Amino acid sequence: MVIYSGMLIRLLNLLKKRLFIGFTTGVIFILIIHRAVEYTSSDKFCNYCHVHPHVTSSWRLSTHYNNKSGVVVHCVECHLPPDGIKHYAEKVRLGIKDIWGKLFKDKSKINWEEKSKLELAVNFTYREACIRCHKNLFPLKLSKKGEEAHLYYTRKSKQIRCLNCHLYVGHYSELVVQKKPFGETKKAKKIIYTEPAKVEKFENYTEYIPGSSVKFDMIAIPGGTFTIGSPESEPYRYQDEGPQRKIKVSRFWMGKTEVTWDEYEEFYRQTSVEGKNNIRLISSYKRSSELEAITGATPPYGSPDQGWGRGKRPAITMTYYAAMVYCKWLSAVTGKKYRLPTEAEWEYACRGGTDGAYFFGGNPEKYTSKRLWNRIFKPDTSLINSYVIYAGNSGGKTHLPSEVKPNPFGLLNMSGNVREFCLDWYSPDAYSMYPENVTIVNPGGPPSGKEHVIRGGSYKSDAIDVRSAARDHTRHSAWMITDPQIPKSLWWYSDCNDVGFRVVCEYKEDKNKQNNSNKKRGK
């Protein structure tokens, strides 16, 4: 009995020692892990591994560091979920990503401005992280606009993220600083145009906007016949690009470039209003004794040019309705008939007498980044780069029209820079509505619809989407998700920054022919 008692005591003592050693080892291990997690979550450690060259400086300039309260928001508080397994899983994922970038990427070749855009930033920030600190979405000093926006967010939290409105709160960017308020009157130049261009024959002309120093070029597009759409053999062709049909269009003028910010800001200056229901009266040049009522655009939220600059760059973020009103205003102040191009006019003008995938030649298979082969071996893209601003050469933003060569008609950026509104309603089978073996004259598309046609590619587009036949359409509701206003803005898209438009001017051929006929008769 005594022997068994002694053995039991020895076993208990051994167990106690092992439990103590195990407990002590476990505590030490937990402390080491805790210390490792703590250290690897520090701002210093993040900055050591992260390859972003100005991540710390932009953070120190942001409201998450430089604010009245003195509260500093650290890296992991935004870039990791607050707690739980997801916190550690994301910590491992982002850590591996940053280490890979540190060791194998050339940071000088990374476009950090493009990487900071909303569609990429949402992959590195977390809604629950925002809500952890900002539990009260309606603090006492919140502005009226802020109240509207946060109320809207509570209703649409599954569709929009905090970053939709607060993209640069964690990392300051000069792009969001509007150095000159939108629509601010420019200092008068030496030349202020008092009347629009006088056009007496069908040729290129320069239009002048009366009361301003703004002018733009219009290109005479000769009438002709072409085949709309793409053949089934064209690489990367979409289903809505066919069936092909013969189309005849009458002559017209088209803007050499998309409507620029200089042009659009002049429209804003002459017609803009603070209230949503106010009306500004502008005089028609042709009959100045009469006034035409045109509802002007309301001020935009933030900087509609995305901070890239305005001037001669293409105007963007306006709604389809705003583009239509712009054409109405331009017609009133110049006495001509300006409007958006029909889809047929747009493709005819883009092709410039060519019938290939691009007006400048080349094969989409060579240029597209969707092919693994192209991503690895980097084909020669000098040809497409000289004619088109697209994802392959844009750096993630719009460019000046002068940076590319014109198409055969003398038009710039028909295939890229920004996508362009057309007059037609969109239908995926629009071409099949036209009869076969018949040349259709000046088609205007379907009689009705929900969205409008958009043609051409943009600075965001892959090479396959800047083909002459590529079609797209507006997505009005999706492009207004972030806008919290009730009703939503008529004038500005909140979630689309790569669509603009160019204008056409109608050529009154029948009237001109009649005038010439009357002259011959001595009338």
Protein backbone atom coordinates (compact mmCIF):
# COMPACT_ATOMS: atom_id res chain seq x y z
CA MET A 1 0.00 0.00 0.00
CA VAL A 2 2.86 2.30 0.96
CA ILE A 3 4.57 1.47 -2.32
CA TYR A 4 1.52 2.42 -4.32
CA SER A 5 1.14 5.66 -2.34
CA GLY A 6 4.76 6.58 -3.07
CA MET A 7 4.36 5.88 -6.75
CA LEU A 8 1.21 7.97 -6.84
CA ILE A 9 2.98 10.88 -5.14
CA ARG A 10 5.88 10.67 -7.59
CA LEU A 11 3.46 10.63 -10.54
CA LEU A 12 1.60 13.64 -9.17
CA ASN A 13 4.84 15.54 -8.66
CA LEU A 14 5.97 14.67 -12.18
CA LEU A 15 2.61 15.78 -13.55
CA LYS A 16 2.82 19.03 -11.62
CA LYS A 17 6.28 19.69 -13.03
CA ARG A 18 5.13 18.98 -16.56
CA LEU A 19 2.00 21.06 -16.11
CA PHE A 20 4.10 23.88 -14.74
CA ILE A 21 6.61 23.59 -17.55
CA GLY A 22 3.78 23.36 -20.12
CA PHE A 23 1.94 26.28 -18.57
CA THR A 24 5.08 28.37 -18.37
CA THR A 25 6.03 27.48 -21.94
CA GLY A 26 2.50 28.29 -23.11
CA VAL A 27 2.53 31.66 -21.35
CA ILE A 28 5.94 32.47 -22.80
CA PHE A 29 4.75 31.38 -26.25
CA ILE A 30 1.60 33.50 -25.97
CA LEU A 31 3.65 36.48 -24.80
CA ILE A 32 6.04 36.03 -27.73
CA ILE A 33 3.15 35.73 -30.18
CA HIS A 34 1.44 38.74 -28.61
CA ARG A 35 4.64 40.74 -28.79
CA ALA A 36 5.19 39.65 -32.40
CA VAL A 37 1.63 40.60 -33.35
CA GLU A 38 2.03 43.90 -31.51
CA TYR A 39 5.31 44.68 -33.23
CA THR A 40 4.16 43.66 -36.70
CA SER A 41 1.07 45.85 -36.21
CA SER A 42 3.08 48.97 -35.52
CA ASP A 43 3.26 51.84 -37.98
CA LYS A 44 7.04 51.51 -38.04
CA PHE A 45 6.89 47.87 -39.12
CA CYS A 46 4.22 48.58 -41.78
CA ASN A 47 6.35 51.36 -43.20
CA TYR A 48 9.41 49.09 -43.31
CA CYS A 49 7.75 46.45 -45.50
CA HIS A 50 5.35 48.56 -47.52
CA VAL A 51 6.75 49.62 -50.90
CA HIS A 52 4.48 52.67 -51.30
CA PRO A 53 7.02 55.57 -51.42
CA HIS A 54 4.88 58.22 -49.73
CA VAL A 55 2.54 56.14 -47.59
CA THR A 56 3.76 57.68 -44.32
CA SER A 57 3.94 61.27 -45.53
CA SER A 58 0.41 61.14 -47.00
CA TRP A 59 -0.89 59.55 -43.77
CA ARG A 60 0.70 62.30 -41.64
CA LEU A 61 -1.04 64.93 -43.78
CA SER A 62 -4.42 63.24 -43.55
CA THR A 63 -7.22 63.85 -41.06
CA HIS A 64 -6.47 60.45 -39.51
CA TYR A 65 -3.23 61.89 -38.18
CA ASN A 66 -3.43 65.67 -38.40
CA ASN A 67 -6.70 66.65 -36.70
CA LYS A 68 -8.08 68.87 -33.93
CA SER A 69 -8.69 66.03 -31.48
CA GLY A 70 -5.11 64.77 -31.55
CA VAL A 71 -6.27 61.18 -32.03
CA VAL A 72 -3.97 59.20 -34.32
CA VAL A 73 -5.44 56.38 -36.39
CA HIS A 74 -2.81 53.72 -37.07
CA CYS A 75 -2.27 51.54 -40.15
CA VAL A 76 -3.86 48.35 -38.85
CA GLU A 77 -6.94 50.19 -37.60
CA CYS A 78 -8.00 50.83 -41.21
CA HIS A 79 -6.23 48.10 -43.16
CA LEU A 80 -7.24 45.09 -41.04
CA PRO A 81 -10.61 43.90 -39.73
CA PRO A 82 -11.00 44.79 -36.01
CA ASP A 83 -10.61 41.31 -34.54
CA GLY A 84 -11.26 37.60 -34.86
CA ILE A 85 -9.93 35.02 -37.29
CA LYS A 86 -10.49 37.39 -40.21
CA HIS A 87 -8.08 39.86 -38.61
CA TYR A 88 -5.21 37.36 -38.60
CA ALA A 89 -6.10 35.88 -41.98
CA GLU A 90 -5.98 39.32 -43.60
CA LYS A 91 -2.80 40.14 -41.70
CA VAL A 92 -1.11 37.13 -43.26
CA ARG A 93 -2.51 37.88 -46.74
CA LEU A 94 -1.47 41.51 -46.76
CA GLY A 95 1.88 40.69 -45.15
CA ILE A 96 2.74 38.21 -47.89
CA LYS A 97 1.64 40.72 -50.53
CA ASP A 98 3.81 43.48 -49.08
CA ILE A 99 6.86 41.23 -48.65
CA TRP A 100 6.50 40.10 -52.26
CA GLY A 101 6.35 43.70 -53.41
CA LYS A 102 9.33 44.63 -51.26
CA LEU A 103 11.51 41.86 -52.66
CA PHE A 104 10.46 41.50 -56.28
CA LYS A 105 8.73 44.68 -57.53
CA ASP A 106 10.26 47.85 -58.91
CA LYS A 107 8.32 50.49 -57.03
CA SER A 108 9.46 53.21 -59.44
CA LYS A 109 7.32 51.60 -62.14
CA ILE A 110 4.13 51.38 -60.05
CA ASN A 111 1.42 53.98 -60.72
CA TRP A 112 0.48 54.85 -57.15
CA GLU A 113 -2.15 57.36 -58.21
CA GLU A 114 -4.01 54.62 -60.08
CA LYS A 115 -3.57 52.18 -57.17
CA SER A 116 -5.31 54.68 -54.90
CA LYS A 117 -8.56 54.62 -56.85
CA LEU A 118 -11.76 53.42 -55.22
CA GLU A 119 -12.06 50.15 -57.10
CA LEU A 120 -8.66 49.04 -55.77
CA ALA A 121 -8.70 50.74 -52.37
CA VAL A 122 -11.79 48.79 -51.27
CA ASN A 123 -9.65 45.64 -51.28
CA PHE A 124 -7.42 47.02 -48.51
CA THR A 125 -9.87 48.72 -46.15
CA TYR A 126 -12.79 47.32 -44.17
CA ARG A 127 -16.23 48.66 -43.38
CA GLU A 128 -16.20 47.20 -39.85
CA ALA A 129 -12.90 48.99 -39.18
CA CYS A 130 -14.51 52.32 -40.03
CA ILE A 131 -17.59 51.63 -37.91
CA ARG A 132 -15.46 50.57 -34.92
CA CYS A 133 -14.25 54.16 -34.52
CA HIS A 134 -17.16 56.03 -36.09
CA LYS A 135 -20.00 54.44 -34.14
CA ASN A 136 -22.06 57.63 -34.19
CA LEU A 137 -22.74 58.56 -37.81
CA PHE A 138 -24.68 61.68 -36.80
CA PRO A 139 -22.46 63.73 -34.44
CA LEU A 140 -23.58 67.19 -33.35
CA LYS A 141 -21.39 69.18 -35.73
CA LEU A 142 -22.14 67.11 -38.82
CA SER A 143 -23.05 69.29 -41.81
CA LYS A 144 -26.37 69.12 -43.62
CA LYS A 145 -24.72 67.39 -46.56
CA GLY A 146 -23.08 64.97 -44.16
CA GLU A 147 -26.41 64.14 -42.55
CA GLU A 148 -27.96 63.45 -45.94
CA ALA A 149 -25.02 61.30 -46.97
CA HIS A 150 -24.90 59.25 -43.75
CA LEU A 151 -28.65 58.73 -43.74
CA TYR A 152 -28.39 57.49 -47.29
CA TYR A 153 -25.51 55.21 -46.27
CA THR A 154 -27.59 53.57 -43.53
CA ARG A 155 -30.17 52.68 -46.17
CA LYS A 156 -27.69 51.50 -48.81
CA SER A 157 -24.86 50.04 -46.70
CA LYS A 158 -24.83 46.84 -48.75
CA GLN A 159 -24.28 48.79 -51.98
CA ILE A 160 -21.85 51.54 -50.98
CA ARG A 161 -18.78 51.72 -48.80
CA CYS A 162 -17.44 54.44 -46.54
CA LEU A 163 -14.67 54.95 -49.09
CA ASN A 164 -17.17 56.02 -51.74
CA CYS A 165 -17.21 59.42 -50.05
CA HIS A 166 -14.13 59.31 -47.79
CA LEU A 167 -11.48 57.87 -50.07
CA TYR A 168 -8.68 60.22 -49.01
CA VAL A 169 -9.26 60.59 -45.26
CA GLY A 170 -6.52 58.09 -44.42
CA HIS A 171 -3.99 59.18 -47.03
CA TYR A 172 -4.10 62.80 -48.12
CA SER A 173 -3.96 63.51 -51.84
CA GLU A 174 -3.50 66.81 -53.63
CA LEU A 175 -5.91 65.51 -56.27
CA VAL A 176 -8.87 66.23 -53.99
CA VAL A 177 -7.87 69.85 -53.44
CA GLN A 178 -9.79 71.97 -55.93
CA LYS A 179 -7.30 74.76 -56.45
CA LYS A 180 -9.76 76.78 -58.55
CA PRO A 181 -13.50 76.40 -57.82
CA PHE A 182 -15.39 74.78 -60.65
CA GLY A 183 -16.91 77.34 -62.99
CA GLU A 184 -15.02 80.27 -61.48
CA THR A 185 -14.89 83.10 -64.00
CA LYS A 186 -11.56 83.26 -65.75
CA LYS A 187 -9.52 86.42 -66.03
CA ALA A 188 -10.45 88.16 -69.25
CA LYS A 189 -8.15 87.45 -72.15
CA LYS A 190 -7.38 89.90 -74.93
CA ILE A 191 -10.01 88.35 -77.18
CA ILE A 192 -13.63 88.01 -76.05
CA TYR A 193 -15.78 86.72 -78.89
CA THR A 194 -18.93 88.72 -79.53
CA GLU A 195 -20.51 86.46 -82.11
CA PRO A 196 -20.30 82.84 -83.24
CA ALA A 197 -18.68 81.54 -86.41
CA LYS A 198 -20.33 82.33 -89.71
CA VAL A 199 -20.47 79.18 -91.80
CA GLU A 200 -21.35 79.69 -95.45
CA LYS A 201 -20.14 76.44 -96.98
CA PHE A 202 -19.43 72.87 -96.00
CA GLU A 203 -15.87 72.94 -94.71
CA ASN A 204 -13.99 72.78 -91.40
CA TYR A 205 -14.63 75.77 -89.16
CA THR A 206 -13.81 77.11 -85.72
CA GLU A 207 -16.78 77.86 -83.47
CA TYR A 208 -16.70 80.78 -81.04
CA ILE A 209 -18.82 80.97 -77.89
CA PRO A 210 -20.10 84.56 -77.62
CA GLY A 211 -19.21 86.41 -74.44
CA SER A 212 -16.20 84.21 -73.78
CA SER A 213 -12.70 83.46 -74.99
CA VAL A 214 -13.60 79.83 -75.72
CA LYS A 215 -13.43 78.35 -79.19
CA PHE A 216 -13.30 74.83 -80.64
CA ASP A 217 -12.81 73.18 -84.02
CA MET A 218 -15.49 71.41 -86.04
CA ILE A 219 -14.55 68.95 -88.79
CA ALA A 220 -16.64 68.59 -91.97
CA ILE A 221 -17.54 64.90 -92.30
CA PRO A 222 -18.57 64.06 -95.90
CA GLY A 223 -21.64 61.90 -96.36
CA GLY A 224 -21.20 58.33 -97.49
CA THR A 225 -22.01 54.66 -97.12
CA PHE A 226 -20.36 52.16 -94.78
CA THR A 227 -20.99 48.84 -93.05
CA ILE A 228 -21.94 49.25 -89.42
CA GLY A 229 -20.88 46.63 -86.88
CA SER A 230 -18.17 43.98 -87.00
CA PRO A 231 -17.85 40.70 -88.91
CA GLU A 232 -18.14 37.48 -86.95
CA SER A 233 -14.47 36.79 -87.69
CA GLU A 234 -13.23 39.90 -85.83
CA PRO A 235 -11.25 38.93 -82.69
CA TYR A 236 -12.98 39.69 -79.39
CA ARG A 237 -16.16 40.76 -81.13
CA TYR A 238 -19.25 41.17 -78.90
CA GLN A 239 -22.65 39.80 -79.82
CA ASP A 240 -24.32 43.23 -79.95
CA GLU A 241 -21.99 44.35 -82.77
CA GLY A 242 -24.01 42.53 -85.40
CA PRO A 243 -25.47 41.62 -87.73
CA GLN A 244 -23.68 44.01 -90.05
CA ARG A 245 -25.80 46.35 -92.16
CA LYS A 246 -25.20 48.87 -94.95
CA ILE A 247 -25.73 52.43 -93.72
CA LYS A 248 -25.76 55.75 -95.53
CA VAL A 249 -25.26 58.97 -93.59
CA SER A 250 -25.61 62.54 -94.77
CA ARG A 251 -22.81 65.04 -94.33
CA PHE A 252 -22.41 66.72 -90.96
CA TRP A 253 -19.85 68.48 -88.81
CA MET A 254 -18.32 66.83 -85.75
CA GLY A 255 -16.18 68.22 -82.95
CA LYS A 256 -12.51 67.56 -83.55
CA THR A 257 -12.23 66.53 -79.89
CA GLU A 258 -14.57 65.65 -77.09
CA VAL A 259 -16.11 68.66 -75.37
CA THR A 260 -13.36 70.08 -73.17
CA TRP A 261 -13.56 71.46 -69.65
CA ASP A 262 -13.04 74.97 -71.07
CA GLU A 263 -16.18 74.55 -73.17
CA TYR A 264 -18.23 72.84 -70.47
CA GLU A 265 -17.24 75.33 -67.77
CA GLU A 266 -18.40 78.17 -70.02
CA PHE A 267 -21.79 76.45 -70.26
CA TYR A 268 -21.76 76.14 -66.46
CA ARG A 269 -20.84 79.79 -65.96
CA GLN A 270 -23.60 81.02 -68.23
CA THR A 271 -26.38 78.75 -66.96
CA SER A 272 -25.51 77.39 -63.51
CA VAL A 273 -27.81 77.87 -60.53
CA GLU A 274 -27.53 77.13 -56.82
CA GLY A 275 -31.04 75.75 -56.37
CA LYS A 276 -32.27 72.65 -58.10
CA ASN A 277 -35.41 74.24 -59.49
CA ASN A 278 -34.15 77.67 -60.51
CA ILE A 279 -33.98 78.69 -64.14
CA ARG A 280 -31.40 80.92 -65.78
CA LEU A 281 -32.49 82.77 -68.91
CA ILE A 282 -29.98 83.07 -71.71
CA SER A 283 -30.37 84.96 -74.94
CA SER A 284 -30.38 83.28 -78.31
CA TYR A 285 -27.84 84.78 -80.67
CA LYS A 286 -30.11 84.60 -83.71
CA ARG A 287 -33.00 86.43 -82.12
CA SER A 288 -31.62 88.29 -79.13
CA SER A 289 -34.99 89.88 -78.39
CA GLU A 290 -36.30 86.48 -77.36
CA LEU A 291 -35.20 84.48 -74.34
CA GLU A 292 -34.99 80.74 -74.08
CA ALA A 293 -35.35 79.20 -70.63
CA ILE A 294 -32.61 76.69 -69.90
CA THR A 295 -32.22 75.03 -66.51
CA GLY A 296 -28.58 75.33 -65.54
CA ALA A 297 -26.33 72.80 -63.85
CA THR A 298 -26.05 72.78 -60.07
CA PRO A 299 -22.59 72.83 -58.45
CA PRO A 300 -20.75 69.48 -58.47
CA TYR A 301 -19.66 67.64 -55.35
CA GLY A 302 -15.88 67.82 -55.06
CA SER A 303 -13.71 68.11 -58.13
CA PRO A 304 -15.41 66.60 -61.20
CA ASP A 305 -12.12 66.42 -63.08
CA GLN A 306 -10.77 64.01 -60.41
CA GLY A 307 -7.91 66.41 -59.76
CA TRP A 308 -6.22 65.63 -63.09
CA GLY A 309 -6.71 69.14 -64.44
CA ARG A 310 -9.31 70.78 -66.65
CA GLY A 311 -8.63 73.16 -69.54
CA LYS A 312 -8.33 71.19 -72.78
CA ARG A 313 -8.86 67.79 -71.18
CA PRO A 314 -12.20 66.13 -71.99
CA ALA A 315 -15.05 67.02 -69.63
CA ILE A 316 -16.33 64.03 -67.64
CA THR A 317 -18.81 62.99 -64.90
CA MET A 318 -21.77 64.89 -66.38
CA THR A 319 -25.00 62.94 -66.89
CA TYR A 320 -26.53 62.15 -70.25
CA TYR A 321 -29.21 64.74 -69.47
CA ALA A 322 -26.53 67.37 -68.83
CA ALA A 323 -24.91 66.59 -72.19
CA MET A 324 -28.26 67.05 -73.92
CA VAL A 325 -28.84 70.38 -72.19
CA TYR A 326 -25.34 71.48 -73.15
CA CYS A 327 -26.19 70.88 -76.80
CA LYS A 328 -29.40 72.86 -76.40
CA TRP A 329 -27.49 75.75 -74.83
CA LEU A 330 -24.77 75.65 -77.50
CA SER A 331 -27.43 75.75 -80.21
CA ALA A 332 -29.04 78.77 -78.56
CA VAL A 333 -25.87 80.84 -78.22
CA THR A 334 -24.51 80.05 -81.70
CA GLY A 335 -27.69 79.91 -83.79
CA LYS A 336 -26.75 76.49 -85.19
CA LYS A 337 -28.18 73.03 -84.60
CA TYR A 338 -25.83 71.19 -82.27
CA ARG A 339 -26.62 67.76 -80.82
CA LEU A 340 -25.10 64.43 -79.88
CA PRO A 341 -24.15 62.14 -82.78
CA THR A 342 -26.30 59.19 -83.71
CA GLU A 343 -24.60 55.84 -83.31
CA ALA A 344 -24.34 55.48 -87.09
CA GLU A 345 -22.77 58.93 -87.45
CA TRP A 346 -20.31 58.14 -84.66
CA GLU A 347 -19.08 54.85 -86.16
CA TYR A 348 -18.93 56.32 -89.67
CA ALA A 349 -16.82 59.22 -88.38
CA CYS A 350 -14.62 56.93 -86.28
CA ARG A 351 -13.85 54.56 -89.16
CA GLY A 352 -12.98 57.40 -91.52
CA GLY A 353 -13.45 55.19 -94.56
CA THR A 354 -11.77 52.09 -93.08
CA ASP A 355 -13.38 48.73 -92.39
CA GLY A 356 -10.96 46.98 -90.00
CA ALA A 357 -11.05 46.50 -86.26
CA TYR A 358 -9.21 49.83 -85.86
CA PHE A 359 -9.05 52.80 -88.21
CA PHE A 360 -5.25 52.71 -87.92
CA GLY A 361 -4.92 48.98 -88.61
CA GLY A 362 -3.60 46.33 -86.27
CA ASN A 363 -5.01 43.22 -84.61
CA PRO A 364 -6.81 43.25 -81.23
CA GLU A 365 -5.16 39.94 -80.35
CA LYS A 366 -1.78 41.67 -80.44
CA TYR A 367 -2.76 44.58 -78.22
CA THR A 368 -5.13 43.14 -75.60
CA SER A 369 -3.89 42.55 -72.06
CA LYS A 370 -6.39 39.73 -71.69
CA ARG A 371 -3.99 37.33 -73.39
CA LEU A 372 -1.42 35.81 -71.04
CA TRP A 373 1.07 35.74 -73.90
CA ASN A 374 0.87 39.52 -74.26
CA ARG A 375 1.29 40.11 -70.54
CA ILE A 376 4.44 38.01 -70.48
CA PHE A 377 6.17 39.00 -73.72
CA LYS A 378 4.96 42.61 -74.07
CA PRO A 379 4.24 43.13 -77.79
CA ASP A 380 5.07 46.35 -79.64
CA THR A 381 2.15 48.73 -79.00
CA SER A 382 3.68 51.87 -80.49
CA LEU A 383 1.06 51.99 -83.27
CA ILE A 384 -2.04 51.90 -81.06
CA ASN A 385 -0.35 54.15 -78.51
CA SER A 386 0.09 56.87 -81.12
CA TYR A 387 -3.64 57.00 -81.90
CA VAL A 388 -5.48 55.98 -78.71
CA ILE A 389 -5.43 56.83 -75.00
CA TYR A 390 -6.45 53.56 -73.33
CA ALA A 391 -5.51 51.44 -70.30
CA GLY A 392 -2.20 50.48 -71.88
CA ASN A 393 -0.79 54.04 -71.96
CA SER A 394 -3.08 56.32 -69.94
CA GLY A 395 -1.64 55.94 -66.46
CA GLY A 396 -5.22 55.76 -65.20
CA LYS A 397 -6.40 59.24 -66.18
CA THR A 398 -7.50 61.40 -69.11
CA HIS A 399 -4.97 63.09 -71.38
CA LEU A 400 -4.83 66.15 -73.61
CA PRO A 401 -6.20 65.57 -77.14
CA SER A 402 -2.96 66.77 -78.71
CA GLU A 403 -1.11 63.69 -77.44
CA VAL A 404 -2.50 61.43 -80.20
CA LYS A 405 -2.67 61.45 -83.98
CA PRO A 406 -5.99 62.11 -85.83
CA ASN A 407 -8.03 59.52 -87.69
CA PRO A 408 -8.48 59.78 -91.51
CA PHE A 409 -11.18 62.44 -91.09
CA GLY A 410 -8.98 64.55 -88.80
CA LEU A 411 -10.78 63.65 -85.53
CA LEU A 412 -8.83 63.11 -82.30
CA ASN A 413 -9.47 60.44 -79.68
CA MET A 414 -12.46 58.84 -81.39
CA SER A 415 -11.41 55.47 -80.00
CA GLY A 416 -10.16 56.40 -76.54
CA ASN A 417 -9.54 58.92 -73.76
CA VAL A 418 -13.21 58.98 -72.73
CA ARG A 419 -16.24 57.06 -73.90
CA GLU A 420 -18.87 59.18 -75.65
CA PHE A 421 -22.64 59.56 -75.41
CA CYS A 422 -24.68 58.98 -78.55
CA LEU A 423 -28.23 60.05 -79.33
CA ASP A 424 -29.69 56.54 -79.77
CA TRP A 425 -31.45 54.35 -77.25
CA TYR A 426 -29.43 51.20 -76.67
CA SER A 427 -30.58 47.75 -77.72
CA PRO A 428 -28.32 44.68 -78.02
CA ASP A 429 -30.11 43.71 -81.24
CA ALA A 430 -30.49 47.20 -82.73
CA TYR A 431 -28.86 46.24 -86.04
CA SER A 432 -31.10 43.25 -86.58
CA MET A 433 -34.05 45.65 -86.67
CA TYR A 434 -32.74 47.02 -89.97
CA PRO A 435 -33.68 45.00 -93.08
CA GLU A 436 -31.03 43.01 -94.94
CA ASN A 437 -29.84 43.86 -98.45
CA VAL A 438 -31.09 47.42 -98.10
CA THR A 439 -29.02 50.53 -97.47
CA ILE A 440 -30.48 52.28 -94.43
CA VAL A 441 -30.36 56.07 -94.60
CA ASN A 442 -29.53 58.02 -91.42
CA PRO A 443 -30.84 55.49 -88.87
CA GLY A 444 -31.65 56.78 -85.40
CA GLY A 445 -31.75 53.51 -83.49
CA PRO A 446 -34.69 52.00 -81.54
CA PRO A 447 -37.72 54.23 -80.92
CA SER A 448 -37.45 53.80 -77.13
CA GLY A 449 -35.37 52.20 -74.41
CA LYS A 450 -33.99 52.51 -70.89
CA GLU A 451 -30.32 53.32 -71.54
CA HIS A 452 -28.47 55.22 -74.25
CA VAL A 453 -25.63 54.13 -76.51
CA ILE A 454 -22.03 54.89 -75.59
CA ARG A 455 -19.31 54.49 -78.19
CA GLY A 456 -15.53 54.45 -78.09
CA GLY A 457 -13.21 53.40 -75.31
CA SER A 458 -11.64 55.35 -72.49
CA TYR A 459 -8.45 55.64 -70.48
CA LYS A 460 -9.71 52.60 -68.53
CA SER A 461 -10.40 50.40 -71.57
CA ASP A 462 -8.54 47.35 -72.78
CA ALA A 463 -7.50 47.37 -76.44
CA ILE A 464 -10.46 45.18 -77.42
CA ASP A 465 -12.89 47.87 -76.25
CA VAL A 466 -11.41 50.65 -78.40
CA ARG A 467 -12.26 48.85 -81.64
CA SER A 468 -14.35 50.90 -84.08
CA ALA A 469 -17.40 48.62 -83.75
CA ALA A 470 -17.33 48.14 -79.96
CA ARG A 471 -20.59 49.22 -78.31
CA ASP A 472 -21.63 50.00 -74.75
CA HIS A 473 -24.46 51.77 -72.96
CA THR A 474 -25.16 54.04 -70.02
CA ARG A 475 -25.85 52.53 -66.60
CA HIS A 476 -27.64 55.46 -65.05
CA SER A 477 -28.77 53.91 -61.76
CA ALA A 478 -25.44 52.17 -61.11
CA TRP A 479 -23.57 55.40 -61.83
CA MET A 480 -25.64 57.27 -59.23
CA ILE A 481 -25.35 54.90 -56.26
CA THR A 482 -23.10 57.09 -54.13
CA ASP A 483 -25.13 60.27 -54.73
CA PRO A 484 -27.14 60.74 -51.48
CA GLN A 485 -29.40 63.54 -52.72
CA ILE A 486 -33.16 63.14 -52.92
CA PRO A 487 -33.89 63.48 -55.77
CA LYS A 488 -30.50 62.55 -57.18
CA SER A 489 -28.60 65.08 -59.26
CA LEU A 490 -29.77 65.64 -62.82
CA TRP A 491 -26.35 66.94 -63.74
CA TRP A 492 -23.52 64.87 -62.29
CA TYR A 493 -22.72 61.17 -62.07
CA SER A 494 -21.26 60.19 -58.70
CA ASP A 495 -19.76 56.87 -59.83
CA CYS A 496 -18.69 57.26 -63.45
CA ASN A 497 -15.61 59.23 -64.44
CA ASP A 498 -14.69 57.99 -67.91
CA VAL A 499 -17.63 59.13 -70.07
CA GLY A 500 -17.85 62.44 -71.92
CA PHE A 501 -19.24 63.48 -75.29
CA ARG A 502 -18.55 65.33 -78.51
CA VAL A 503 -21.02 67.35 -80.54
CA VAL A 504 -22.15 67.28 -84.13
CA CYS A 505 -23.64 70.16 -86.06
CA GLU A 506 -26.32 69.44 -88.63
CA TYR A 507 -25.79 70.46 -92.22
CA LYS A 508 -29.04 71.72 -93.72
CA GLU A 509 -28.43 70.22 -97.10
CA ASP A 510 -31.92 70.58 -98.52
CA LYS A 511 -32.14 74.25 -97.58
CA ASN A 512 -28.71 75.00 -99.05
CA LYS A 513 -29.60 73.22 -102.27
CA GLN A 514 -32.82 75.24 -102.50
CA ASN A 515 -30.92 78.50 -101.94
CA ASN A 516 -28.44 77.61 -104.69
CA SER A 517 -31.33 76.70 -106.99
CA ASN A 518 -33.04 80.04 -106.28
CA LYS A 519 -29.83 81.93 -107.05
CA LYS A 520 -29.57 80.21 -110.42
CA ARG A 521 -33.16 81.26 -111.15
CA GLY A 522 -32.39 84.88 -110.22
CA LYS A 523 -34.64 84.87 -107.14
